[in-house]
Amino acid sequence: MQKKYFSLRLLSPRPKFPTYITDGERAIMKAHSDYWKGSMREGYVLAFGPVLYPKGMYGLGYRCSREYATSNGIYRKRPGTDNRYI
């Protein structure tokens, strides 16, 4: 089966995030970043990072997988996020 490519837009919890974050949020974001770096080393993620859009920052990532369920499962495991919108 051929690989499929997915783009992910990760929304910030509030407009000024991460300009103003607590120490707890900083720890969560480090775990979040470490998770994506690990997925990148394993070959599941092609690129990821912040988008410094003037109206509000968000994350952007590109993943590859042979099927949607695998991609979605890895996406749901990421730390520090709310899966209500998947």
C-alpha atoms as a PDB file:
ATOM      1  CA  MET A   1       0.000   0.000   0.000  1.00  0.00           C
ATOM      2  CA  GLN A   2       1.277   3.460  -0.903  1.00  0.00           C
ATOM      3  CA  LYS A   3       2.047   5.998   1.812  1.00  0.00           C
ATOM      4  CA  LYS A   4      -0.353   8.876   2.324  1.00  0.00           C
ATOM      5  CA  TYR A   5       0.606  12.317   3.569  1.00  0.00           C
ATOM      6  CA  PHE A   6      -1.310  14.338   6.138  1.00  0.00           C
ATOM      7  CA  SER A   7      -0.975  17.931   7.263  1.00  0.00           C
ATOM      8  CA  LEU A   8      -1.880  18.775  10.851  1.00  0.00           C
ATOM      9  CA  ARG A   9      -2.768  22.159  12.228  1.00  0.00           C
ATOM     10  CA  LEU A  10      -2.467  22.308  16.009  1.00  0.00           C
ATOM     11  CA  LEU A  11      -4.399  25.190  17.515  1.00  0.00           C
ATOM     12  CA  SER A  12      -3.183  27.212  20.497  1.00  0.00           C
ATOM     13  CA  PRO A  13      -5.359  27.268  23.610  1.00  0.00           C
ATOM     14  CA  ARG A  14      -5.474  31.081  23.588  1.00  0.00           C
ATOM     15  CA  PRO A  15      -4.317  33.972  21.348  1.00  0.00           C
ATOM     16  CA  LYS A  16      -1.193  34.997  23.321  1.00  0.00           C
ATOM     17  CA  PHE A  17       0.059  31.413  23.721  1.00  0.00           C
ATOM     18  CA  PRO A  18       3.023  30.702  23.998  1.00  0.00           C
ATOM     19  CA  THR A  19       4.173  34.283  24.563  1.00  0.00           C
ATOM     20  CA  TYR A  20       2.734  34.109  28.085  1.00  0.00           C
ATOM     21  CA  ILE A  21       2.832  30.593  29.538  1.00  0.00           C
ATOM     22  CA  THR A  22       3.123  29.138  33.013  1.00  0.00           C
ATOM     23  CA  ASP A  23       5.917  26.828  34.120  1.00  0.00           C
ATOM     24  CA  GLY A  24       3.446  23.938  33.916  1.00  0.00           C
ATOM     25  CA  GLU A  25       2.525  24.824  30.339  1.00  0.00           C
ATOM     26  CA  ARG A  26       6.222  25.120  29.473  1.00  0.00           C
ATOM     27  CA  ALA A  27       6.788  21.561  30.749  1.00  0.00           C
ATOM     28  CA  ILE A  28       3.828  20.290  28.719  1.00  0.00           C
ATOM     29  CA  MET A  29       5.125  22.014  25.591  1.00  0.00           C
ATOM     30  CA  LYS A  30       8.559  20.443  26.086  1.00  0.00           C
ATOM     31  CA  ALA A  31       6.928  16.993  26.285  1.00  0.00           C
ATOM     32  CA  HIS A  32       4.863  17.892  23.207  1.00  0.00           C
ATOM     33  CA  SER A  33       7.979  18.907  21.263  1.00  0.00           C
ATOM     34  CA  ASP A  34       9.899  15.814  22.417  1.00  0.00           C
ATOM     35  CA  TYR A  35       7.013  13.632  21.231  1.00  0.00           C
ATOM     36  CA  TRP A  36       7.074  15.124  17.734  1.00  0.00           C
ATOM     37  CA  LYS A  37      10.884  14.895  17.568  1.00  0.00           C
ATOM     38  CA  GLY A  38      10.648  11.201  18.471  1.00  0.00           C
ATOM     39  CA  SER A  39       8.000  10.640  15.797  1.00  0.00           C
ATOM     40  CA  MET A  40      10.295  12.388  13.330  1.00  0.00           C
ATOM     41  CA  ARG A  41      13.219  10.094  14.239  1.00  0.00           C
ATOM     42  CA  GLU A  42      10.921   7.076  13.754  1.00  0.00           C
ATOM     43  CA  GLY A  43      10.008   8.311  10.281  1.00  0.00           C
ATOM     44  CA  TYR A  44       6.358   9.135  10.947  1.00  0.00           C
ATOM     45  CA  VAL A  45       6.774  12.912  10.819  1.00  0.00           C
ATOM     46  CA  LEU A  46       8.357  14.783   7.937  1.00  0.00           C
ATOM     47  CA  ALA A  47       8.381  18.258   9.504  1.00  0.00           C
ATOM     48  CA  PHE A  48       6.772  20.122  12.384  1.00  0.00           C
ATOM     49  CA  GLY A  49       7.035  23.453  14.124  1.00  0.00           C
ATOM     50  CA  PRO A  50       5.366  26.686  15.138  1.00  0.00           C
ATOM     51  CA  VAL A  51       3.764  29.139  12.740  1.00  0.00           C
ATOM     52  CA  LEU A  52       4.147  32.680  14.045  1.00  0.00           C
ATOM     53  CA  TYR A  53       0.999  34.069  12.461  1.00  0.00           C
ATOM     54  CA  PRO A  54       0.219  37.655  13.612  1.00  0.00           C
ATOM     55  CA  LYS A  55      -3.392  36.778  14.529  1.00  0.00           C
ATOM     56  CA  GLY A  56      -2.354  33.812  16.657  1.00  0.00           C
ATOM     57  CA  MET A  57       0.345  31.186  16.707  1.00  0.00           C
ATOM     58  CA  TYR A  58      -0.368  27.570  15.805  1.00  0.00           C
ATOM     59  CA  GLY A  59       1.567  24.400  15.142  1.00  0.00           C
ATOM     60  CA  LEU A  60       1.922  22.764  11.754  1.00  0.00           C
ATOM     61  CA  GLY A  61       3.101  19.257  11.031  1.00  0.00           C
ATOM     62  CA  TYR A  62       3.363  16.876   8.109  1.00  0.00           C
ATOM     63  CA  ARG A  63       3.006  13.135   8.674  1.00  0.00           C
ATOM     64  CA  CYS A  64       3.176  10.102   6.473  1.00  0.00           C
ATOM     65  CA  SER A  65       1.393   6.800   6.995  1.00  0.00           C
ATOM     66  CA  ARG A  66       0.011   3.931   4.969  1.00  0.00           C
ATOM     67  CA  GLU A  67      -3.458   4.481   6.420  1.00  0.00           C
ATOM     68  CA  TYR A  68      -5.449   7.207   8.143  1.00  0.00           C
ATOM     69  CA  ALA A  69      -6.063   5.168  11.322  1.00  0.00           C
ATOM     70  CA  THR A  70      -2.324   4.869  12.024  1.00  0.00           C
ATOM     71  CA  SER A  71      -1.763   8.564  11.439  1.00  0.00           C
ATOM     72  CA  ASN A  72      -4.739   9.533  13.580  1.00  0.00           C
ATOM     73  CA  GLY A  73      -3.669   7.158  16.368  1.00  0.00           C
ATOM     74  CA  ILE A  74      -0.208   8.690  16.599  1.00  0.00           C
ATOM     75  CA  TYR A  75      -1.748  12.157  16.503  1.00  0.00           C
ATOM     76  CA  ARG A  76      -4.068  11.308  19.425  1.00  0.00           C
ATOM     77  CA  LYS A  77      -1.131  10.151  21.594  1.00  0.00           C
ATOM     78  CA  ARG A  78       0.619  13.514  21.613  1.00  0.00           C
ATOM     79  CA  PRO A  79       0.954  15.112  25.050  1.00  0.00           C
ATOM     80  CA  GLY A  80      -0.503  18.407  26.124  1.00  0.00           C
ATOM     81  CA  THR A  81      -3.420  18.583  23.746  1.00  0.00           C
ATOM     82  CA  ASP A  82      -7.181  18.207  23.748  1.00  0.00           C
ATOM     83  CA  ASN A  83      -8.534  15.569  21.368  1.00  0.00           C
ATOM     84  CA  ARG A  84     -12.124  16.870  21.313  1.00  0.00           C
ATOM     85  CA  TYR A  85     -11.638  18.350  17.849  1.00  0.00           C
ATOM     86  CA  ILE A  86     -10.321  15.271  16.023  1.00  0.00           C
END
